[in-house]
N, C-alpha and C. Protein backbone atom coordinates (compact mmCIF):
# COMPACT_ATOMS: atom_id res chain seq x y z
N MET A 1 92.07 88.39 84.99
CA MET A 1 92.13 87.50 86.45
C MET A 1 91.02 88.49 86.96
N GLU A 2 90.52 88.00 87.57
CA GLU A 2 88.91 88.85 88.34
C GLU A 2 89.77 89.57 89.34
N THR A 3 88.91 90.89 89.19
CA THR A 3 89.37 91.72 91.09
C THR A 3 88.82 90.49 92.02
N SER A 4 89.86 90.84 93.26
CA SER A 4 89.18 90.19 94.54
C SER A 4 88.03 90.32 95.25
N PRO A 5 87.37 89.45 95.33
CA PRO A 5 85.74 89.87 95.63
C PRO A 5 85.42 90.46 97.23
N ARG A 6 86.43 89.91 97.88
CA ARG A 6 86.38 90.45 99.27
C ARG A 6 86.51 91.75 99.40
N TRP A 7 87.50 92.31 98.59
CA TRP A 7 88.05 93.84 98.98
C TRP A 7 87.12 94.70 97.97
N GLN A 8 86.33 94.21 96.69
CA GLN A 8 85.84 94.16 95.54
C GLN A 8 84.20 95.34 96.06
N GLY A 9 83.43 94.19 97.16
CA GLY A 9 82.40 94.06 97.54
C GLY A 9 82.14 95.20 98.81
N ARG A 10 83.58 95.84 98.83
CA ARG A 10 83.41 96.97 100.03
C ARG A 10 83.89 98.16 99.68
N LEU A 11 84.25 98.27 98.35
CA LEU A 11 84.04 99.67 97.55
C LEU A 11 83.10 100.31 97.64
N ASP A 12 81.46 99.98 97.74
CA ASP A 12 80.29 100.45 97.43
C ASP A 12 80.15 101.48 99.19
N VAL A 13 81.13 101.23 100.14
CA VAL A 13 80.56 101.86 101.24
C VAL A 13 81.66 103.15 100.72
N LEU A 14 82.55 102.97 100.47
CA LEU A 14 83.62 104.20 100.56
C LEU A 14 82.90 105.60 99.38
N GLY A 15 83.62 106.90 99.67
CA GLY A 15 83.16 107.65 98.55
C GLY A 15 83.49 107.49 97.53
N SER A 16 83.31 108.53 96.86
CA SER A 16 83.93 108.76 95.65
C SER A 16 85.51 108.75 94.84
N LYS A 17 85.71 110.09 95.90
CA LYS A 17 87.14 110.34 96.12
C LYS A 17 88.01 109.17 97.02
N GLU A 18 87.60 108.33 97.53
CA GLU A 18 88.30 106.88 98.45
C GLU A 18 88.96 106.03 97.70
N ARG A 19 87.82 105.94 96.09
CA ARG A 19 87.77 104.90 95.77
C ARG A 19 88.82 105.30 94.68
N GLU A 20 88.50 106.12 94.46
CA GLU A 20 89.77 107.40 93.38
C GLU A 20 91.19 106.89 93.88
N THR A 21 90.91 106.67 95.19
CA THR A 21 92.25 106.80 95.42
C THR A 21 92.99 105.24 95.64
N LEU A 22 92.09 104.50 95.95
CA LEU A 22 92.43 103.41 96.04
C LEU A 22 92.60 102.50 94.70
N LEU A 23 91.63 102.73 93.73
CA LEU A 23 92.12 102.26 92.54
C LEU A 23 92.85 102.94 91.62
N GLY A 24 93.06 104.28 91.74
CA GLY A 24 94.63 104.82 90.96
C GLY A 24 94.05 105.08 89.39
N THR A 25 95.13 105.17 88.79
CA THR A 25 94.83 105.56 87.35
C THR A 25 94.70 104.15 86.74
N SER A 26 94.65 104.60 84.91
CA SER A 26 94.75 103.12 84.10
C SER A 26 95.76 102.27 84.86
N LEU A 27 96.71 102.85 84.82
CA LEU A 27 97.70 101.60 85.34
C LEU A 27 97.60 100.56 86.71
N SER A 28 97.04 101.40 87.80
CA SER A 28 97.00 100.95 88.90
C SER A 28 95.89 100.02 88.71
N ARG A 29 94.62 100.19 87.71
CA ARG A 29 93.40 99.84 87.64
C ARG A 29 93.67 98.64 87.04
N ARG A 30 94.91 98.52 86.55
CA ARG A 30 94.92 97.30 86.16
C ARG A 30 95.68 95.66 87.48
N PHE A 31 96.45 96.68 87.42
CA PHE A 31 97.07 95.70 88.78
C PHE A 31 96.32 95.62 89.36
N THR A 32 95.26 96.42 89.90
CA THR A 32 93.88 95.97 91.03
C THR A 32 93.56 94.40 90.74
N ARG A 33 93.15 94.45 89.59
CA ARG A 33 92.95 93.48 88.82
C ARG A 33 93.47 91.85 89.16
N LEU A 34 94.30 91.85 89.39
CA LEU A 34 95.37 90.56 90.22
C LEU A 34 95.12 90.51 91.80
N PRO A 35 94.95 89.24 91.78
CA PRO A 35 95.11 88.66 93.52
C PRO A 35 96.53 89.79 94.06
N LEU A 36 95.98 89.59 95.74
CA LEU A 36 96.43 90.90 95.97
C LEU A 36 97.97 90.30 96.22
N TRP A 37 98.62 88.59 96.32
CA TRP A 37 99.59 88.34 96.42
C TRP A 37 100.54 88.10 95.22
N LEU A 38 99.81 88.19 94.32
CA LEU A 38 100.38 88.72 92.79
C LEU A 38 100.78 89.93 92.29
N SER A 39 100.15 90.76 93.14
CA SER A 39 100.14 92.46 92.98
C SER A 39 101.01 93.18 94.04
N HIS A 40 101.34 92.28 94.58
CA HIS A 40 102.82 92.44 95.90
C HIS A 40 103.30 93.72 95.18
N PRO A 41 104.07 94.33 95.54
CA PRO A 41 105.02 95.33 95.16
C PRO A 41 106.29 95.27 94.95
N ALA A 42 107.16 94.32 95.20
CA ALA A 42 108.34 93.81 94.86
C ALA A 42 107.37 92.69 93.75
N ASN A 43 106.56 92.05 93.80
CA ASN A 43 106.67 91.44 92.30
C ASN A 43 105.98 92.00 90.83
N ILE A 44 105.57 93.28 91.38
CA ILE A 44 105.65 94.51 90.19
C ILE A 44 106.69 95.07 90.07
N SER A 45 107.66 95.28 90.72
CA SER A 45 108.85 95.85 90.72
C SER A 45 109.56 95.27 89.78
N ALA A 46 109.78 93.75 90.43
CA ALA A 46 110.30 92.81 89.45
C ALA A 46 109.80 93.25 88.34
N PHE A 47 108.29 92.53 88.00
CA PHE A 47 107.88 92.53 86.69
C PHE A 47 107.97 93.70 85.49
N TYR A 48 108.89 94.95 85.93
CA TYR A 48 109.51 95.89 85.61
C TYR A 48 110.59 95.10 84.81
N GLY A 49 111.49 95.05 86.29
CA GLY A 49 112.90 94.52 85.69
C GLY A 49 112.86 93.79 84.82
N LEU A 50 111.97 92.90 84.74
CA LEU A 50 111.85 91.72 83.55
C LEU A 50 111.75 92.64 82.22
N LEU A 51 110.62 93.36 81.93
CA LEU A 51 110.43 94.37 81.01
C LEU A 51 111.79 94.50 80.20
N THR A 52 112.19 95.05 81.59
CA THR A 52 113.41 96.22 81.42
C THR A 52 114.29 95.41 80.69
N SER A 53 115.33 94.17 81.01
CA SER A 53 115.78 93.35 80.69
C SER A 53 115.63 92.27 79.51
N LEU A 54 114.29 92.46 79.06
CA LEU A 54 113.63 91.86 77.43
C LEU A 54 114.64 93.30 76.63
N ALA A 55 114.27 94.31 76.82
CA ALA A 55 114.40 95.64 76.12
C ALA A 55 115.95 95.32 75.20
N LEU A 56 116.40 95.17 76.81
CA LEU A 56 117.87 94.99 76.96
C LEU A 56 118.78 94.21 75.89
N LEU A 57 117.72 93.22 74.85
CA LEU A 57 118.13 91.69 74.66
C LEU A 57 118.62 92.43 72.90
N LEU A 58 118.14 93.02 72.34
CA LEU A 58 118.68 93.49 70.97
C LEU A 58 119.95 94.33 71.05
N PRO A 59 120.77 95.12 72.37
CA PRO A 59 121.66 96.45 72.25
C PRO A 59 122.53 94.64 72.95
N TYR A 60 122.09 93.86 73.50
CA TYR A 60 123.51 92.76 74.05
C TYR A 60 123.51 92.05 73.14
N ARG A 61 122.61 91.75 72.07
CA ARG A 61 123.10 90.63 70.56
C ARG A 61 123.70 91.46 69.58
N PHE A 62 123.57 92.64 69.72
CA PHE A 62 124.36 93.05 67.99
C PHE A 62 125.50 93.99 68.71
N ALA A 63 125.16 94.47 69.83
CA ALA A 63 126.53 95.47 70.14
C ALA A 63 127.87 94.34 70.84
N GLN A 64 127.50 93.44 71.42
CA GLN A 64 128.79 92.35 71.72
C GLN A 64 128.80 91.55 70.33
N ALA A 65 130.70 91.63 69.88
CA ALA A 65 130.79 90.25 69.01
C ALA A 65 131.56 88.93 70.11
N SER A 66 131.60 88.97 70.87
CA SER A 66 131.95 87.76 71.75
C SER A 66 130.58 86.81 71.06
N ASP A 67 130.45 85.21 71.69
CA ASP A 67 129.64 84.28 71.83
C ASP A 67 129.15 84.60 73.49
N SER A 68 129.60 85.21 73.70
CA SER A 68 129.01 85.78 75.92
C SER A 68 127.99 86.35 75.70
N TRP A 69 127.66 86.95 75.26
CA TRP A 69 126.42 87.94 74.86
C TRP A 69 125.45 87.76 75.21
N LEU A 70 124.71 86.01 75.33
CA LEU A 70 124.10 85.25 75.79
C LEU A 70 124.32 85.89 77.37
N THR A 71 125.02 85.06 78.17
CA THR A 71 125.45 84.73 79.15
C THR A 71 125.37 86.26 80.09
N ASN A 72 125.82 87.03 79.26
CA ASN A 72 126.06 88.90 80.14
C ASN A 72 124.20 89.04 80.64
N TRP A 73 123.59 88.52 79.48
CA TRP A 73 122.24 88.98 79.07
C TRP A 73 121.54 88.97 80.52
N ILE A 74 121.97 86.97 80.45
CA ILE A 74 121.10 86.62 81.27
C ILE A 74 121.87 86.98 82.84
N PHE A 75 123.13 87.06 83.45
CA PHE A 75 123.33 87.34 84.69
C PHE A 75 122.99 88.60 84.62
N HIS A 76 123.16 89.92 84.00
CA HIS A 76 122.42 91.16 84.10
C HIS A 76 121.38 91.62 84.66
N SER A 77 120.57 90.50 83.52
CA SER A 77 119.05 90.48 83.89
C SER A 77 118.41 89.94 85.28
N ALA A 78 119.34 88.81 85.40
CA ALA A 78 118.78 88.70 86.96
C ALA A 78 119.11 89.42 87.92
N LEU A 79 120.27 90.10 88.19
CA LEU A 79 121.09 91.17 88.71
C LEU A 79 119.80 92.74 88.90
N ILE A 80 119.02 92.85 87.35
CA ILE A 80 118.38 93.94 87.30
C ILE A 80 117.10 93.43 88.25
N MET A 81 116.05 92.22 87.65
CA MET A 81 115.47 91.64 88.27
C MET A 81 115.16 91.67 90.22
N ILE A 82 116.30 91.35 90.67
CA ILE A 82 116.54 91.19 91.88
C ILE A 82 116.76 92.61 92.70
N ALA A 83 117.30 93.41 91.94
CA ALA A 83 117.31 94.64 92.56
C ALA A 83 116.11 95.37 92.65
N CYS A 84 115.35 95.47 91.22
CA CYS A 84 114.03 95.67 91.65
C CYS A 84 113.09 95.38 92.68
N LEU A 85 113.43 93.76 93.05
CA LEU A 85 112.46 93.30 93.45
C LEU A 85 112.83 93.98 94.89
N LEU A 86 114.26 93.77 94.98
CA LEU A 86 114.25 94.44 96.72
C LEU A 86 114.11 96.07 96.78
N LEU A 87 114.14 96.59 95.61
CA LEU A 87 113.70 98.11 95.93
C LEU A 87 112.22 98.39 96.32
N GLY A 88 111.47 96.94 95.48
CA GLY A 88 109.66 96.95 95.98
C GLY A 88 109.62 96.45 96.85
N MET A 89 110.48 95.54 97.54
CA MET A 89 110.04 95.38 98.95
C MET A 89 110.57 96.68 99.95
N MET A 90 111.74 97.53 99.72
CA MET A 90 111.89 98.03 100.38
C MET A 90 110.99 98.93 101.14
N SER A 91 109.88 99.87 99.58
CA SER A 91 109.35 100.74 99.41
C SER A 91 108.01 100.37 100.41
N LEU A 92 107.73 98.92 100.59
CA LEU A 92 106.41 98.45 101.29
C LEU A 92 107.05 98.98 102.23
N ILE A 93 108.10 97.89 103.30
CA ILE A 93 108.37 98.78 104.83
C ILE A 93 107.98 100.01 105.03
N ILE A 94 108.96 100.80 104.20
CA ILE A 94 109.15 101.94 104.39
C ILE A 94 107.88 102.72 104.31
N VAL A 95 106.34 102.30 103.92
CA VAL A 95 105.30 102.96 103.55
C VAL A 95 104.32 102.42 104.39
N SER A 96 104.75 100.88 105.18
CA SER A 96 104.04 100.02 106.37
C SER A 96 104.60 101.33 107.35
N ILE A 97 105.97 101.50 107.47
CA ILE A 97 106.10 102.23 108.83
C ILE A 97 105.37 103.52 108.78
N SER A 98 105.29 104.29 107.42
CA SER A 98 105.01 105.61 107.34
C SER A 98 103.43 106.07 107.43
N LYS A 99 103.11 104.96 106.55
CA LYS A 99 101.33 105.09 106.73
C LYS A 99 101.20 106.02 105.87
N ARG A 100 101.74 106.19 104.48
CA ARG A 100 101.95 106.65 103.52
C ARG A 100 100.89 106.89 102.48
N PHE A 101 99.41 108.12 101.68
CA PHE A 101 98.84 107.47 101.07
C PHE A 101 99.44 107.56 99.42
N PRO A 102 98.88 107.11 98.92
CA PRO A 102 99.54 107.07 97.27
C PRO A 102 99.78 108.83 96.53
N ALA A 103 100.50 108.74 95.96
CA ALA A 103 101.13 110.06 95.84
C ALA A 103 100.99 109.81 93.97
N THR A 104 101.18 110.60 93.37
CA THR A 104 101.09 111.05 91.38
C THR A 104 102.32 110.82 91.13
N PRO A 105 102.73 110.02 90.66
CA PRO A 105 104.26 110.10 89.90
C PRO A 105 104.09 110.88 89.08
N PRO A 106 105.87 111.72 89.13
CA PRO A 106 105.56 112.27 87.83
C PRO A 106 106.05 112.12 86.19
N ARG A 107 104.57 111.51 85.91
CA ARG A 107 104.86 110.66 84.90
C ARG A 107 105.71 111.79 83.46
N TYR A 108 105.62 112.37 83.21
CA TYR A 108 106.19 113.11 82.02
C TYR A 108 107.46 113.29 82.44
N ILE A 109 108.09 112.47 83.84
CA ILE A 109 109.12 112.35 83.88
C ILE A 109 109.81 111.31 83.16
N LEU A 110 108.97 110.20 84.25
CA LEU A 110 109.43 108.83 84.58
C LEU A 110 109.47 108.01 83.30
N TYR A 111 108.03 108.43 82.11
CA TYR A 111 107.71 107.48 81.15
C TYR A 111 108.82 107.60 80.03
N PRO A 112 109.33 108.90 80.15
CA PRO A 112 110.55 109.20 78.88
C PRO A 112 112.03 108.19 78.84
N MET A 113 112.24 107.86 80.59
CA MET A 113 113.73 107.64 81.00
C MET A 113 114.06 106.09 80.55
N PRO A 114 113.43 105.51 80.38
CA PRO A 114 113.49 103.90 80.13
C PRO A 114 114.22 103.92 79.22
N PHE A 115 113.45 104.75 77.79
CA PHE A 115 114.13 104.87 76.54
C PHE A 115 114.52 105.60 75.86
N VAL A 116 114.95 106.79 76.99
CA VAL A 116 116.42 107.49 76.97
C VAL A 116 117.07 106.59 77.34
N GLY A 117 117.06 105.73 78.25
CA GLY A 117 118.01 105.41 78.91
C GLY A 117 118.69 103.58 78.21
N LEU A 118 118.28 103.30 77.84
CA LEU A 118 117.91 102.80 76.40
C LEU A 118 118.90 103.06 75.24
N GLY A 119 118.50 104.16 74.83
CA GLY A 119 119.05 104.81 73.73
C GLY A 119 120.62 104.69 73.80
N LEU A 120 120.94 105.49 75.60
CA LEU A 120 122.70 105.71 75.30
C LEU A 120 123.43 104.47 75.76
N LEU A 121 122.50 103.38 76.60
CA LEU A 121 123.23 102.25 75.84
C LEU A 121 123.60 101.70 74.96
N THR A 122 122.33 101.87 74.24
CA THR A 122 122.57 101.34 72.88
C THR A 122 124.18 102.11 72.50
N ILE A 123 124.49 103.54 72.38
CA ILE A 123 125.10 104.38 71.90
C ILE A 123 126.62 103.79 72.72
N SER A 124 126.57 103.79 74.42
CA SER A 124 127.56 103.61 74.53
C SER A 124 128.38 101.93 73.84
N MET A 125 127.40 101.16 74.09
CA MET A 125 127.74 99.57 73.53
C MET A 125 128.47 99.24 72.46
N THR A 126 127.99 100.39 71.50
CA THR A 126 128.82 100.34 70.08
C THR A 126 129.55 101.68 69.88
N ASP A 127 130.49 101.65 71.01
CA ASP A 127 131.50 102.82 71.42
C ASP A 127 131.10 104.29 70.34
N MET A 128 130.24 104.36 70.16
CA MET A 128 129.84 105.60 69.33
C MET A 128 129.82 106.85 70.42
N MET A 129 129.88 107.06 71.68
CA MET A 129 130.18 107.44 72.59
C MET A 129 130.58 107.09 73.77
N ASN A 130 131.41 107.73 75.02
CA ASN A 130 131.52 106.81 75.83
C ASN A 130 130.98 108.22 77.20
N LEU A 131 129.69 107.19 77.39
CA LEU A 131 128.98 107.69 78.56
C LEU A 131 128.54 107.38 80.12
N PRO A 132 128.83 107.92 80.89
CA PRO A 132 128.66 107.29 82.37
C PRO A 132 127.67 105.80 82.39
N SER A 133 128.33 105.01 83.13
CA SER A 133 127.11 104.10 83.39
C SER A 133 126.19 103.68 83.84
N SER A 134 126.30 105.19 85.15
CA SER A 134 126.04 105.30 86.09
C SER A 134 124.39 105.88 86.32
N ILE A 135 124.61 106.78 85.41
CA ILE A 135 123.19 107.11 84.18
C ILE A 135 122.69 106.48 84.02
N ILE A 136 123.01 105.86 83.12
CA ILE A 136 121.90 105.34 81.85
C ILE A 136 121.17 103.98 82.67
N TRP A 137 122.30 103.46 83.76
CA TRP A 137 121.59 102.44 84.82
C TRP A 137 120.49 103.38 85.51
N LEU A 138 121.01 104.39 85.68
CA LEU A 138 119.75 105.24 87.21
C LEU A 138 118.69 105.57 85.92
N LEU A 139 118.86 105.62 84.64
CA LEU A 139 117.61 106.18 83.80
C LEU A 139 116.64 104.64 83.28
N LEU A 140 117.21 103.44 83.97
CA LEU A 140 116.46 102.42 83.14
C LEU A 140 116.49 102.15 84.24
N LEU A 141 116.57 101.48 85.34
CA LEU A 141 115.84 101.27 86.34
C LEU A 141 115.12 102.21 86.95
N LEU A 142 115.47 103.18 87.18
CA LEU A 142 114.64 104.46 88.77
C LEU A 142 113.30 104.48 87.96
N PRO A 143 112.38 104.39 86.90
CA PRO A 143 111.17 104.47 86.40
C PRO A 143 110.43 103.60 87.86
N GLY A 144 110.60 102.52 87.29
CA GLY A 144 109.84 100.95 87.66
C GLY A 144 109.56 101.40 89.30
N PRO A 145 110.91 100.85 89.97
CA PRO A 145 110.76 101.63 91.27
C PRO A 145 110.26 102.72 92.34
N MET A 146 110.33 103.71 91.35
CA MET A 146 109.64 104.74 91.72
C MET A 146 108.32 105.22 92.02
N TYR A 147 107.61 104.47 90.95
CA TYR A 147 105.95 104.07 90.37
C TYR A 147 106.16 103.31 91.49
N VAL A 148 106.23 102.05 91.98
CA VAL A 148 105.77 101.32 92.94
C VAL A 148 105.85 102.19 94.28
N HIS A 149 107.27 103.03 94.65
CA HIS A 149 107.60 103.26 95.84
C HIS A 149 105.93 104.43 96.26
N LEU A 150 105.88 105.65 94.84
CA LEU A 150 105.46 106.50 95.68
C LEU A 150 103.52 106.34 94.59
N SER A 151 103.23 105.29 94.29
CA SER A 151 102.08 105.25 94.08
C SER A 151 101.01 103.21 94.44
N TRP A 152 102.21 102.44 93.80
CA TRP A 152 101.39 101.35 94.16
C TRP A 152 101.61 100.56 95.40
N ALA A 153 102.41 101.58 95.82
CA ALA A 153 102.94 100.31 97.31
C ALA A 153 101.93 100.93 98.39
N PRO A 154 101.54 102.39 98.53
CA PRO A 154 100.85 102.80 99.19
C PRO A 154 99.58 102.02 98.99
N ARG A 155 99.53 102.25 97.54
CA ARG A 155 97.70 101.49 97.56
C ARG A 155 97.44 100.11 97.50
N TRP A 156 98.29 99.80 97.39
CA TRP A 156 98.46 97.85 97.85
C TRP A 156 98.29 97.69 99.22
N ARG A 157 98.79 98.71 100.10
CA ARG A 157 98.64 98.94 101.19
C ARG A 157 97.34 99.13 101.55
N LEU A 158 96.61 99.72 101.45
CA LEU A 158 94.99 100.33 101.92
C LEU A 158 94.26 99.13 100.88
N LEU A 159 94.63 98.28 100.03
CA LEU A 159 93.58 97.55 99.65
C LEU A 159 94.16 96.18 100.19
N CYS A 160 94.77 95.78 100.67
CA CYS A 160 95.02 94.65 101.70
C CYS A 160 94.28 95.27 103.13
N LEU A 161 94.02 96.43 103.98
CA LEU A 161 93.30 96.53 104.66
C LEU A 161 91.89 96.06 104.46
N LEU A 162 91.86 96.91 103.36
CA LEU A 162 90.55 96.35 103.26
C LEU A 162 89.71 95.17 102.73
N GLU A 163 90.77 94.33 102.55
CA GLU A 163 90.33 93.05 102.51
C GLU A 163 90.03 92.62 103.70
N ASP A 164 91.33 92.66 104.98
CA ASP A 164 91.11 92.26 106.00
C ASP A 164 90.03 93.00 106.91
N ASP A 165 88.59 93.98 106.14
CA ASP A 165 87.61 94.19 106.46
C ASP A 165 87.66 95.38 107.51
N LYS A 166 88.74 96.49 107.00
CA LYS A 166 89.24 97.41 107.79
C LYS A 166 89.46 98.39 106.93
N ASN A 167 88.52 99.51 107.55
CA ASN A 167 88.48 100.94 106.66
C ASN A 167 90.04 101.62 107.02
N PRO A 168 90.58 101.50 105.81
CA PRO A 168 91.63 102.30 105.76
C PRO A 168 91.50 104.21 105.41
N PHE A 169 90.68 104.28 105.72
CA PHE A 169 90.07 105.51 105.22
C PHE A 169 89.65 106.37 106.94
N GLU A 170 89.40 105.37 107.80
CA GLU A 170 88.98 105.65 109.24
C GLU A 170 89.21 106.93 110.01
N GLY A 171 88.10 107.90 110.45
CA GLY A 171 89.39 108.77 110.81
C GLY A 171 89.67 110.06 110.30
N MET A 172 89.24 110.15 108.90
CA MET A 172 90.29 110.71 108.11
C MET A 172 89.21 111.95 107.15
N GLU A 173 89.16 112.95 107.53
CA GLU A 173 88.04 113.56 107.30
C GLU A 173 88.29 114.81 105.98
N ASP A 174 89.78 114.59 105.51
CA ASP A 174 89.77 115.17 104.12
C ASP A 174 89.22 114.04 102.72
N PHE A 175 88.99 112.62 103.38
CA PHE A 175 88.23 111.67 102.29
C PHE A 175 87.01 111.38 101.93
N LYS A 176 86.21 112.84 103.11
CA LYS A 176 84.53 112.42 103.06
C LYS A 176 84.51 112.74 101.22
N ASP A 177 83.17 112.05 101.94
CA ASP A 177 82.45 112.14 99.96
C ASP A 177 82.04 113.30 99.98
N PRO A 178 81.97 114.28 99.09
CA PRO A 178 81.56 115.64 99.11
C PRO A 178 79.64 115.67 99.02
N ALA A 179 79.25 114.32 97.97
CA ALA A 179 78.17 114.23 98.23
C ALA A 179 77.47 114.04 99.61
N ASN A 180 77.76 113.02 100.45
CA ASN A 180 77.62 113.06 101.89
C ASN A 180 77.39 113.94 102.74
N ASP A 181 78.66 115.28 102.55
CA ASP A 181 78.80 116.68 103.40
C ASP A 181 77.68 117.28 103.30
N ALA A 182 77.06 117.37 101.66
CA ALA A 182 76.38 117.91 101.21
C ALA A 182 74.68 117.55 101.89
N GLU A 183 74.13 116.07 101.79
CA GLU A 183 73.59 115.64 102.98
C GLU A 183 73.54 116.40 104.42
N ASN A 184 75.14 116.65 104.70
CA ASN A 184 74.79 116.24 106.46
C ASN A 184 74.44 117.44 106.59
N ILE A 185 74.78 119.01 105.54
CA ILE A 185 74.53 120.51 106.25
C ILE A 185 73.51 120.86 105.70
N ALA A 186 72.97 120.12 104.63
CA ALA A 186 71.43 120.30 104.12
C ALA A 186 70.41 119.68 105.58
N ASP A 187 70.73 118.60 106.26
CA ASP A 187 70.21 118.11 107.12
C ASP A 187 68.36 118.01 106.59
N GLY A 188 68.40 117.22 105.91
CA GLY A 188 66.92 117.12 104.94
C GLY A 188 65.86 117.72 104.56
N ASP A 189 66.67 119.14 103.99
CA ASP A 189 66.32 120.06 103.16
C ASP A 189 66.19 119.78 102.24
N GLU A 190 65.13 119.31 101.57
CA GLU A 190 65.14 119.22 99.85
C GLU A 190 65.42 119.87 98.84
N GLU A 191 64.58 121.14 99.44
CA GLU A 191 64.70 122.27 98.27
C GLU A 191 66.68 122.42 98.56
N LEU A 192 67.16 122.85 99.32
CA LEU A 192 68.38 123.11 99.22
C LEU A 192 69.23 121.95 97.96
N LEU A 193 68.98 120.59 98.98
CA LEU A 193 69.49 119.55 97.97
C LEU A 193 69.42 119.15 96.69
N SER A 194 68.16 119.74 96.45
CA SER A 194 68.21 119.77 94.72
C SER A 194 68.38 120.98 94.27
N VAL A 195 69.03 122.40 94.62
CA VAL A 195 69.72 122.89 94.70
C VAL A 195 71.27 122.87 94.07
N VAL A 196 71.93 121.96 95.17
CA VAL A 196 73.31 121.38 95.08
C VAL A 196 73.11 120.64 94.16
N ASP A 197 72.45 119.45 93.69
CA ASP A 197 72.42 118.90 92.59
C ASP A 197 72.34 119.12 91.12
N ALA A 198 71.37 120.54 91.05
CA ALA A 198 71.18 121.00 89.94
C ALA A 198 72.89 121.78 89.72
N LEU A 199 73.48 122.76 90.86
CA LEU A 199 74.38 122.71 90.71
C LEU A 199 75.92 121.84 90.34
N GLU A 200 75.53 120.95 90.76
CA GLU A 200 76.72 119.76 90.34
C GLU A 200 76.56 119.31 88.95
N GLU A 201 75.24 119.22 88.25
CA GLU A 201 74.95 118.79 87.25
C GLU A 201 75.81 120.04 86.25
N GLU A 202 75.54 121.44 86.75
CA GLU A 202 76.03 122.12 85.68
C GLU A 202 77.63 121.93 85.28
């Protein structure tokens, strides 16, 4: 899907740091290609719940001898997706009130957590070891909603402001483009600007 042309056309008036804040890293940039209604934080969080549910398919299939494994999997998958959706909605509400800007999630902690949780769940379901279910489900469910809360929900709010023809960085000195600051300081002095450009190239 193509990026929304309404806010994409307004990126040119923003500085490089502002564009980086809006677009984020590779994962967030993929979500920005979706329409805003589809990339709603609740939808992104629910999508993580769907991915988690698909990963649980094999443990449920081979770790349970009863024929009701599919029913249990569907029921738990629905609960996971609903829980993630509600957490995504809560994150958006909190961000809308706090006006917080995106923060970089601790990837080295969040990214391995679902795999660790999946491994522990498999061990627990095969009766190899009794493990606390609360820890297992926390490891499985936390990464997606945490990413949405820290990174995507604030970024989605900024994109919505830009879509409504509002500058989300208005009045914020911290997000001025360094190139524009250099031009203001030089005040038209071409020799000074050439020195600054040479230093930036180095």
